[in-house]
Amino acid sequence: MPFDAELEYPRSVAGVARHTYLDWMRSAYFVTLLGAPALSVPAGFTPDGLPVGLQIATAPRSDLAALRIGAAFEAATRYGRRRPPLG
């Protein structure tokens, strides 16, 4: 879920300590190191109305597959057309 914008980075994720920014970003930079195409699509909202995204990553050189999966997810869920609840 989104973290407080005042934080440099979350100090723990799912109860696991993150001692540095790179510890926190590990899942994202592994995708980059592999050369895997990735994209983010809207995936709804938290109970507080904060946006949530889903990262889709596919095998290297399968950019079209990533785009097709993202398009299928958006068509099936229509999250991209939804707006946060007014609080």
PDB file of N, CA and C in Angstrom:
ATOM      1  N   MET A   1       0.833  -1.181   0.000  1.00  0.00           N
ATOM      2  CA  MET A   1       0.000   0.000   0.000  1.00  0.00           C
ATOM      3  C   MET A   1       0.881   1.250   0.000  1.00  0.00           C
ATOM      4  N   PRO A   2       0.353   2.360  -0.427  1.00  0.00           N
ATOM      5  CA  PRO A   2       1.138   3.592  -0.397  1.00  0.00           C
ATOM      6  C   PRO A   2       1.586   3.903   1.033  1.00  0.00           C
ATOM      7  N   PHE A   3       2.765   4.484   1.133  1.00  0.00           N
ATOM      8  CA  PHE A   3       3.271   4.867   2.447  1.00  0.00           C
ATOM      9  C   PHE A   3       3.256   6.387   2.574  1.00  0.00           C
ATOM     10  N   ASP A   4       3.428   6.876   3.779  1.00  0.00           N
ATOM     11  CA  ASP A   4       3.406   8.311   4.069  1.00  0.00           C
ATOM     12  C   ASP A   4       4.439   9.038   3.210  1.00  0.00           C
ATOM     13  N   ALA A   5       4.022  10.053   2.503  1.00  0.00           N
ATOM     14  CA  ALA A   5       4.901  10.802   1.611  1.00  0.00           C
ATOM     15  C   ALA A   5       6.034  11.499   2.358  1.00  0.00           C
ATOM     16  N   GLU A   6       5.909  11.664   3.663  1.00  0.00           N
ATOM     17  CA  GLU A   6       6.968  12.291   4.455  1.00  0.00           C
ATOM     18  C   GLU A   6       8.152  11.344   4.692  1.00  0.00           C
ATOM     19  N   LEU A   7       7.933  10.041   4.496  1.00  0.00           N
ATOM     20  CA  LEU A   7       9.003   9.061   4.700  1.00  0.00           C
ATOM     21  C   LEU A   7       9.926   9.015   3.490  1.00  0.00           C
ATOM     22  N   GLU A   8      11.223   8.823   3.747  1.00  0.00           N
ATOM     23  CA  GLU A   8      12.174   8.627   2.647  1.00  0.00           C
ATOM     24  C   GLU A   8      11.870   7.303   1.941  1.00  0.00           C
ATOM     25  N   TYR A   9      11.598   6.264   2.739  1.00  0.00           N
ATOM     26  CA  TYR A   9      11.192   4.952   2.246  1.00  0.00           C
ATOM     27  C   TYR A   9      10.628   4.168   3.435  1.00  0.00           C
ATOM     28  N   PRO A  10       9.825   3.148   3.199  1.00  0.00           N
ATOM     29  CA  PRO A  10       9.291   2.358   4.308  1.00  0.00           C
ATOM     30  C   PRO A  10      10.415   1.605   5.024  1.00  0.00           C
ATOM     31  N   ARG A  11      10.376   1.587   6.333  1.00  0.00           N
ATOM     32  CA  ARG A  11      11.411   0.903   7.123  1.00  0.00           C
ATOM     33  C   ARG A  11      11.116  -0.585   7.290  1.00  0.00           C
ATOM     34  N   SER A  12       9.891  -1.008   6.933  1.00  0.00           N
ATOM     35  CA  SER A  12       9.581  -2.434   6.939  1.00  0.00           C
ATOM     36  C   SER A  12       8.463  -2.691   5.935  1.00  0.00           C
ATOM     37  N   VAL A  13       8.458  -3.895   5.390  1.00  0.00           N
ATOM     38  CA  VAL A  13       7.423  -4.325   4.456  1.00  0.00           C
ATOM     39  C   VAL A  13       6.973  -5.709   4.901  1.00  0.00           C
ATOM     40  N   ALA A  14       5.694  -5.853   5.188  1.00  0.00           N
ATOM     41  CA  ALA A  14       5.133  -7.122   5.656  1.00  0.00           C
ATOM     42  C   ALA A  14       5.912  -7.659   6.852  1.00  0.00           C
ATOM     43  N   GLY A  15       6.327  -6.751   7.738  1.00  0.00           N
ATOM     44  CA  GLY A  15       7.029  -7.141   8.950  1.00  0.00           C
ATOM     45  C   GLY A  15       8.518  -7.415   8.779  1.00  0.00           C
ATOM     46  N   VAL A  16       9.037  -7.257   7.559  1.00  0.00           N
ATOM     47  CA  VAL A  16      10.462  -7.485   7.298  1.00  0.00           C
ATOM     48  C   VAL A  16      11.169  -6.134   7.235  1.00  0.00           C
ATOM     49  N   ALA A  17      12.215  -5.965   8.050  1.00  0.00           N
ATOM     50  CA  ALA A  17      12.942  -4.696   8.110  1.00  0.00           C
ATOM     51  C   ALA A  17      13.622  -4.385   6.781  1.00  0.00           C
ATOM     52  N   ARG A  18      13.586  -3.120   6.416  1.00  0.00           N
ATOM     53  CA  ARG A  18      14.281  -2.603   5.231  1.00  0.00           C
ATOM     54  C   ARG A  18      15.247  -1.537   5.736  1.00  0.00           C
ATOM     55  N   HIS A  19      16.537  -1.833   5.687  1.00  0.00           N
ATOM     56  CA  HIS A  19      17.535  -0.959   6.294  1.00  0.00           C
ATOM     57  C   HIS A  19      17.988   0.173   5.382  1.00  0.00           C
ATOM     58  N   THR A  20      17.829  -0.010   4.073  1.00  0.00           N
ATOM     59  CA  THR A  20      18.243   1.019   3.120  1.00  0.00           C
ATOM     60  C   THR A  20      17.162   1.182   2.048  1.00  0.00           C
ATOM     61  N   TYR A  21      17.295   2.249   1.283  1.00  0.00           N
ATOM     62  CA  TYR A  21      16.384   2.478   0.165  1.00  0.00           C
ATOM     63  C   TYR A  21      16.458   1.309  -0.816  1.00  0.00           C
ATOM     64  N   LEU A  22      17.668   0.814  -1.084  1.00  0.00           N
ATOM     65  CA  LEU A  22      17.811  -0.301  -2.018  1.00  0.00           C
ATOM     66  C   LEU A  22      17.160  -1.578  -1.502  1.00  0.00           C
ATOM     67  N   ASP A  23      17.179  -1.794  -0.191  1.00  0.00           N
ATOM     68  CA  ASP A  23      16.458  -2.940   0.378  1.00  0.00           C
ATOM     69  C   ASP A  23      14.977  -2.849   0.027  1.00  0.00           C
ATOM     70  N   TRP A  24      14.436  -1.655   0.174  1.00  0.00           N
ATOM     71  CA  TRP A  24      13.021  -1.454  -0.093  1.00  0.00           C
ATOM     72  C   TRP A  24      12.702  -1.627  -1.581  1.00  0.00           C
ATOM     73  N   MET A  25      13.590  -1.186  -2.461  1.00  0.00           N
ATOM     74  CA  MET A  25      13.348  -1.213  -3.902  1.00  0.00           C
ATOM     75  C   MET A  25      13.732  -2.536  -4.561  1.00  0.00           C
ATOM     76  N   ARG A  26      14.151  -3.518  -3.793  1.00  0.00           N
ATOM     77  CA  ARG A  26      14.673  -4.774  -4.347  1.00  0.00           C
ATOM     78  C   ARG A  26      13.755  -5.388  -5.415  1.00  0.00           C
ATOM     79  N   SER A  27      12.484  -5.481  -5.150  1.00  0.00           N
ATOM     80  CA  SER A  27      11.599  -6.142  -6.121  1.00  0.00           C
ATOM     81  C   SER A  27      11.556  -5.388  -7.444  1.00  0.00           C
ATOM     82  N   ALA A  28      11.655  -4.076  -7.399  1.00  0.00           N
ATOM     83  CA  ALA A  28      11.620  -3.291  -8.634  1.00  0.00           C
ATOM     84  C   ALA A  28      12.943  -3.369  -9.396  1.00  0.00           C
ATOM     85  N   TYR A  29      14.060  -3.320  -8.688  1.00  0.00           N
ATOM     86  CA  TYR A  29      15.307  -3.318  -9.448  1.00  0.00           C
ATOM     87  C   TYR A  29      15.674  -4.695  -9.979  1.00  0.00           C
ATOM     88  N   PHE A  30      15.162  -5.775  -9.416  1.00  0.00           N
ATOM     89  CA  PHE A  30      15.395  -7.096  -9.993  1.00  0.00           C
ATOM     90  C   PHE A  30      14.795  -7.166 -11.400  1.00  0.00           C
ATOM     91  N   VAL A  31      13.619  -6.601 -11.572  1.00  0.00           N
ATOM     92  CA  VAL A  31      12.981  -6.582 -12.889  1.00  0.00           C
ATOM     93  C   VAL A  31      13.858  -5.819 -13.870  1.00  0.00           C
ATOM     94  N   THR A  32      14.399  -4.685 -13.451  1.00  0.00           N
ATOM     95  CA  THR A  32      15.264  -3.876 -14.305  1.00  0.00           C
ATOM     96  C   THR A  32      16.543  -4.623 -14.663  1.00  0.00           C
ATOM     97  N   LEU A  33      17.183  -5.251 -13.689  1.00  0.00           N
ATOM     98  CA  LEU A  33      18.418  -5.989 -13.956  1.00  0.00           C
ATOM     99  C   LEU A  33      18.220  -7.124 -14.952  1.00  0.00           C
ATOM    100  N   LEU A  34      17.051  -7.723 -14.941  1.00  0.00           N
ATOM    101  CA  LEU A  34      16.753  -8.813 -15.867  1.00  0.00           C
ATOM    102  C   LEU A  34      16.460  -8.309 -17.286  1.00  0.00           C
ATOM    103  N   GLY A  35      16.251  -7.008 -17.429  1.00  0.00           N
ATOM    104  CA  GLY A  35      15.890  -6.467 -18.732  1.00  0.00           C
ATOM    105  C   GLY A  35      14.469  -6.820 -19.118  1.00  0.00           C
ATOM    106  N   ALA A  36      13.645  -7.055 -18.117  1.00  0.00           N
ATOM    107  CA  ALA A  36      12.264  -7.466 -18.364  1.00  0.00           C
ATOM    108  C   ALA A  36      11.371  -6.242 -18.587  1.00  0.00           C
ATOM    109  N   PRO A  37      10.518  -6.275 -19.602  1.00  0.00           N
ATOM    110  CA  PRO A  37       9.566  -5.181 -19.760  1.00  0.00           C
ATOM    111  C   PRO A  37       8.566  -5.199 -18.609  1.00  0.00           C
ATOM    112  N   ALA A  38       8.194  -4.040 -18.159  1.00  0.00           N
ATOM    113  CA  ALA A  38       7.251  -3.930 -17.041  1.00  0.00           C
ATOM    114  C   ALA A  38       6.374  -2.709 -17.234  1.00  0.00           C
ATOM    115  N   LEU A  39       5.188  -2.785 -16.689  1.00  0.00           N
ATOM    116  CA  LEU A  39       4.282  -1.637 -16.695  1.00  0.00           C
ATOM    117  C   LEU A  39       3.420  -1.717 -15.454  1.00  0.00           C
ATOM    118  N   SER A  40       2.819  -0.600 -15.135  1.00  0.00           N
ATOM    119  CA  SER A  40       1.935  -0.528 -13.976  1.00  0.00           C
ATOM    120  C   SER A  40       0.545  -0.158 -14.458  1.00  0.00           C
ATOM    121  N   VAL A  41      -0.445  -0.825 -13.891  1.00  0.00           N
ATOM    122  CA  VAL A  41      -1.834  -0.529 -14.232  1.00  0.00           C
ATOM    123  C   VAL A  41      -2.611  -0.236 -12.952  1.00  0.00           C
ATOM    124  N   PRO A  42      -3.653   0.579 -13.038  1.00  0.00           N
ATOM    125  CA  PRO A  42      -4.482   0.838 -11.859  1.00  0.00           C
ATOM    126  C   PRO A  42      -5.093  -0.455 -11.338  1.00  0.00           C
ATOM    127  N   ALA A  43      -5.105  -0.588  -9.995  1.00  0.00           N
ATOM    128  CA  ALA A  43      -5.627  -1.828  -9.404  1.00  0.00           C
ATOM    129  C   ALA A  43      -6.576  -1.559  -8.238  1.00  0.00           C
ATOM    130  N   GLY A  44      -7.149  -0.382  -8.191  1.00  0.00           N
ATOM    131  CA  GLY A  44      -8.131  -0.094  -7.160  1.00  0.00           C
ATOM    132  C   GLY A  44      -7.657   0.931  -6.158  1.00  0.00           C
ATOM    133  N   PHE A  45      -8.284   0.910  -4.986  1.00  0.00           N
ATOM    134  CA  PHE A  45      -8.014   1.893  -3.944  1.00  0.00           C
ATOM    135  C   PHE A  45      -8.009   1.220  -2.578  1.00  0.00           C
ATOM    136  N   THR A  46      -7.245   1.792  -1.667  1.00  0.00           N
ATOM    137  CA  THR A  46      -7.279   1.331  -0.281  1.00  0.00           C
ATOM    138  C   THR A  46      -8.598   1.771   0.346  1.00  0.00           C
ATOM    139  N   PRO A  47      -8.932   1.266   1.525  1.00  0.00           N
ATOM    140  CA  PRO A  47     -10.146   1.736   2.202  1.00  0.00           C
ATOM    141  C   PRO A  47     -10.121   3.247   2.463  1.00  0.00           C
ATOM    142  N   ASP A  48      -8.916   3.833   2.525  1.00  0.00           N
ATOM    143  CA  ASP A  48      -8.794   5.280   2.735  1.00  0.00           C
ATOM    144  C   ASP A  48      -8.848   6.073   1.437  1.00  0.00           C
ATOM    145  N   GLY A  49      -9.011   5.371   0.290  1.00  0.00           N
ATOM    146  CA  GLY A  49      -9.126   6.053  -0.994  1.00  0.00           C
ATOM    147  C   GLY A  49      -7.806   6.298  -1.702  1.00  0.00           C
ATOM    148  N   LEU A  50      -6.694   5.734  -1.205  1.00  0.00           N
ATOM    149  CA  LEU A  50      -5.401   5.897  -1.875  1.00  0.00           C
ATOM    150  C   LEU A  50      -5.304   4.925  -3.048  1.00  0.00           C
ATOM    151  N   PRO A  51      -4.708   5.364  -4.165  1.00  0.00           N
ATOM    152  CA  PRO A  51      -4.623   4.492  -5.334  1.00  0.00           C
ATOM    153  C   PRO A  51      -3.626   3.348  -5.130  1.00  0.00           C
ATOM    154  N   VAL A  52      -3.941   2.217  -5.733  1.00  0.00           N
ATOM    155  CA  VAL A  52      -3.071   1.040  -5.706  1.00  0.00           C
ATOM    156  C   VAL A  52      -2.820   0.644  -7.155  1.00  0.00           C
ATOM    157  N   GLY A  53      -1.576   0.303  -7.462  1.00  0.00           N
ATOM    158  CA  GLY A  53      -1.227  -0.141  -8.803  1.00  0.00           C
ATOM    159  C   GLY A  53      -0.711  -1.563  -8.786  1.00  0.00           C
ATOM    160  N   LEU A  54      -0.779  -2.215  -9.924  1.00  0.00           N
ATOM    161  CA  LEU A  54      -0.265  -3.564 -10.100  1.00  0.00           C
ATOM    162  C   LEU A  54       0.865  -3.495 -11.114  1.00  0.00           C
ATOM    163  N   GLN A  55       2.038  -4.000 -10.738  1.00  0.00           N
ATOM    164  CA  GLN A  55       3.150  -4.043 -11.682  1.00  0.00           C
ATOM    165  C   GLN A  55       3.106  -5.379 -12.411  1.00  0.00           C
ATOM    166  N   ILE A  56       3.167  -5.299 -13.726  1.00  0.00           N
ATOM    167  CA  ILE A  56       3.187  -6.488 -14.573  1.00  0.00           C
ATOM    168  C   ILE A  56       4.554  -6.544 -15.226  1.00  0.00           C
ATOM    169  N   ALA A  57       5.253  -7.653 -15.071  1.00  0.00           N
ATOM    170  CA  ALA A  57       6.561  -7.850 -15.697  1.00  0.00           C
ATOM    171  C   ALA A  57       6.536  -9.163 -16.460  1.00  0.00           C
ATOM    172  N   THR A  58       7.141  -9.163 -17.630  1.00  0.00           N
ATOM    173  CA  THR A  58       7.197 -10.371 -18.453  1.00  0.00           C
ATOM    174  C   THR A  58       8.653 -10.684 -18.788  1.00  0.00           C
ATOM    175  N   ALA A  59       8.872 -11.734 -19.506  1.00  0.00           N
ATOM    176  CA  ALA A  59      10.223 -12.164 -19.863  1.00  0.00           C
ATOM    177  C   ALA A  59      10.904 -11.120 -20.767  1.00  0.00           C
ATOM    178  N   PRO A  60      12.223 -11.080 -20.733  1.00  0.00           N
ATOM    179  CA  PRO A  60      12.930 -10.158 -21.635  1.00  0.00           C
ATOM    180  C   PRO A  60      12.463 -10.310 -23.079  1.00  0.00           C
ATOM    181  N   ARG A  61      12.347  -9.182 -23.752  1.00  0.00           N
ATOM    182  CA  ARG A  61      11.937  -9.093 -25.155  1.00  0.00           C
ATOM    183  C   ARG A  61      10.491  -9.530 -25.397  1.00  0.00           C
ATOM    184  N   SER A  62       9.679  -9.480 -24.359  1.00  0.00           N
ATOM    185  CA  SER A  62       8.260  -9.821 -24.549  1.00  0.00           C
ATOM    186  C   SER A  62       7.390  -8.617 -24.219  1.00  0.00           C
ATOM    187  N   ASP A  63       7.787  -7.476 -24.741  1.00  0.00           N
ATOM    188  CA  ASP A  63       7.070  -6.230 -24.484  1.00  0.00           C
ATOM    189  C   ASP A  63       5.597  -6.321 -24.864  1.00  0.00           C
ATOM    190  N   LEU A  64       5.326  -6.906 -26.020  1.00  0.00           N
ATOM    191  CA  LEU A  64       3.940  -7.005 -26.474  1.00  0.00           C
ATOM    192  C   LEU A  64       3.103  -7.832 -25.506  1.00  0.00           C
ATOM    193  N   ALA A  65       3.682  -8.881 -24.949  1.00  0.00           N
ATOM    194  CA  ALA A  65       2.953  -9.701 -23.971  1.00  0.00           C
ATOM    195  C   ALA A  65       2.588  -8.866 -22.745  1.00  0.00           C
ATOM    196  N   ALA A  66       3.525  -8.046 -22.257  1.00  0.00           N
ATOM    197  CA  ALA A  66       3.241  -7.185 -21.105  1.00  0.00           C
ATOM    198  C   ALA A  66       2.082  -6.242 -21.422  1.00  0.00           C
ATOM    199  N   LEU A  67       2.122  -5.640 -22.592  1.00  0.00           N
ATOM    200  CA  LEU A  67       1.055  -4.712 -22.982  1.00  0.00           C
ATOM    201  C   LEU A  67      -0.290  -5.429 -23.110  1.00  0.00           C
ATOM    202  N   ARG A  68      -0.276  -6.632 -23.655  1.00  0.00           N
ATOM    203  CA  ARG A  68      -1.532  -7.385 -23.791  1.00  0.00           C
ATOM    204  C   ARG A  68      -2.097  -7.775 -22.430  1.00  0.00           C
ATOM    205  N   ILE A  69      -1.232  -8.190 -21.524  1.00  0.00           N
ATOM    206  CA  ILE A  69      -1.695  -8.546 -20.180  1.00  0.00           C
ATOM    207  C   ILE A  69      -2.267  -7.320 -19.486  1.00  0.00           C
ATOM    208  N   GLY A  70      -1.560  -6.189 -19.590  1.00  0.00           N
ATOM    209  CA  GLY A  70      -2.052  -4.951 -18.986  1.00  0.00           C
ATOM    210  C   GLY A  70      -3.394  -4.539 -19.558  1.00  0.00           C
ATOM    211  N   ALA A  71      -3.538  -4.624 -20.874  1.00  0.00           N
ATOM    212  CA  ALA A  71      -4.806  -4.261 -21.519  1.00  0.00           C
ATOM    213  C   ALA A  71      -5.919  -5.206 -21.081  1.00  0.00           C
ATOM    214  N   ALA A  72      -5.616  -6.490 -20.979  1.00  0.00           N
ATOM    215  CA  ALA A  72      -6.634  -7.461 -20.554  1.00  0.00           C
ATOM    216  C   ALA A  72      -7.059  -7.201 -19.108  1.00  0.00           C
ATOM    217  N   PHE A  73      -6.085  -6.889 -18.237  1.00  0.00           N
ATOM    218  CA  PHE A  73      -6.412  -6.601 -16.839  1.00  0.00           C
ATOM    219  C   PHE A  73      -7.305  -5.369 -16.749  1.00  0.00           C
ATOM    220  N   GLU A  74      -6.935  -4.321 -17.478  1.00  0.00           N
ATOM    221  CA  GLU A  74      -7.747  -3.094 -17.453  1.00  0.00           C
ATOM    222  C   GLU A  74      -9.142  -3.339 -18.014  1.00  0.00           C
ATOM    223  N   ALA A  75      -9.250  -4.114 -19.086  1.00  0.00           N
ATOM    224  CA  ALA A  75     -10.567  -4.396 -19.674  1.00  0.00           C
ATOM    225  C   ALA A  75     -11.425  -5.214 -18.711  1.00  0.00           C
ATOM    226  N   ALA A  76     -10.805  -6.153 -18.011  1.00  0.00           N
ATOM    227  CA  ALA A  76     -11.561  -7.013 -17.103  1.00  0.00           C
ATOM    228  C   ALA A  76     -11.983  -6.293 -15.825  1.00  0.00           C
ATOM    229  N   THR A  77     -11.125  -5.422 -15.316  1.00  0.00           N
ATOM    230  CA  THR A  77     -11.420  -4.782 -14.029  1.00  0.00           C
ATOM    231  C   THR A  77     -11.995  -3.382 -14.164  1.00  0.00           C
ATOM    232  N   ARG A  78     -11.637  -2.683 -15.218  1.00  0.00           N
ATOM    233  CA  ARG A  78     -12.047  -1.286 -15.457  1.00  0.00           C
ATOM    234  C   ARG A  78     -11.606  -0.359 -14.322  1.00  0.00           C
ATOM    235  N   TYR A  79     -10.555  -0.744 -13.590  1.00  0.00           N
ATOM    236  CA  TYR A  79     -10.062   0.094 -12.499  1.00  0.00           C
ATOM    237  C   TYR A  79      -9.617   1.472 -12.994  1.00  0.00           C
ATOM    238  N   GLY A  80      -9.083   1.537 -14.180  1.00  0.00           N
ATOM    239  CA  GLY A  80      -8.626   2.820 -14.715  1.00  0.00           C
ATOM    240  C   GLY A  80      -9.734   3.845 -14.891  1.00  0.00           C
ATOM    241  N   ARG A  81     -10.964   3.393 -14.927  1.00  0.00           N
ATOM    242  CA  ARG A  81     -12.115   4.300 -15.084  1.00  0.00           C
ATOM    243  C   ARG A  81     -12.743   4.694 -13.758  1.00  0.00           C
ATOM    244  N   ARG A  82     -12.297   4.050 -12.682  1.00  0.00           N
ATOM    245  CA  ARG A  82     -12.872   4.337 -11.368  1.00  0.00           C
ATOM    246  C   ARG A  82     -12.174   5.530 -10.726  1.00  0.00           C
ATOM    247  N   ARG A  83     -12.875   6.190  -9.842  1.00  0.00           N
ATOM    248  CA  ARG A  83     -12.339   7.327  -9.091  1.00  0.00           C
ATOM    249  C   ARG A  83     -12.363   6.986  -7.620  1.00  0.00           C
ATOM    250  N   PRO A  84     -11.457   7.568  -6.844  1.00  0.00           N
ATOM    251  CA  PRO A  84     -11.438   7.247  -5.403  1.00  0.00           C
ATOM    252  C   PRO A  84     -12.732   7.680  -4.733  1.00  0.00           C
ATOM    253  N   PRO A  85     -13.092   6.950  -3.685  1.00  0.00           N
ATOM    254  CA  PRO A  85     -14.289   7.355  -2.941  1.00  0.00           C
ATOM    255  C   PRO A  85     -14.074   8.712  -2.301  1.00  0.00           C
ATOM    256  N   LEU A  86     -15.089   9.527  -2.308  1.00  0.00           N
ATOM    257  CA  LEU A  86     -14.988  10.850  -1.678  1.00  0.00           C
ATOM    258  C   LEU A  86     -15.127  10.671  -0.167  1.00  0.00           C
ATOM    259  N   GLY A  87     -14.190  11.239   0.564  1.00  0.00           N
ATOM    260  CA  GLY A  87     -14.212  11.061   2.008  1.00  0.00           C
ATOM    261  C   GLY A  87     -14.506  12.305   2.680  1.00  0.00           C
TER     262      GLY A  87
END
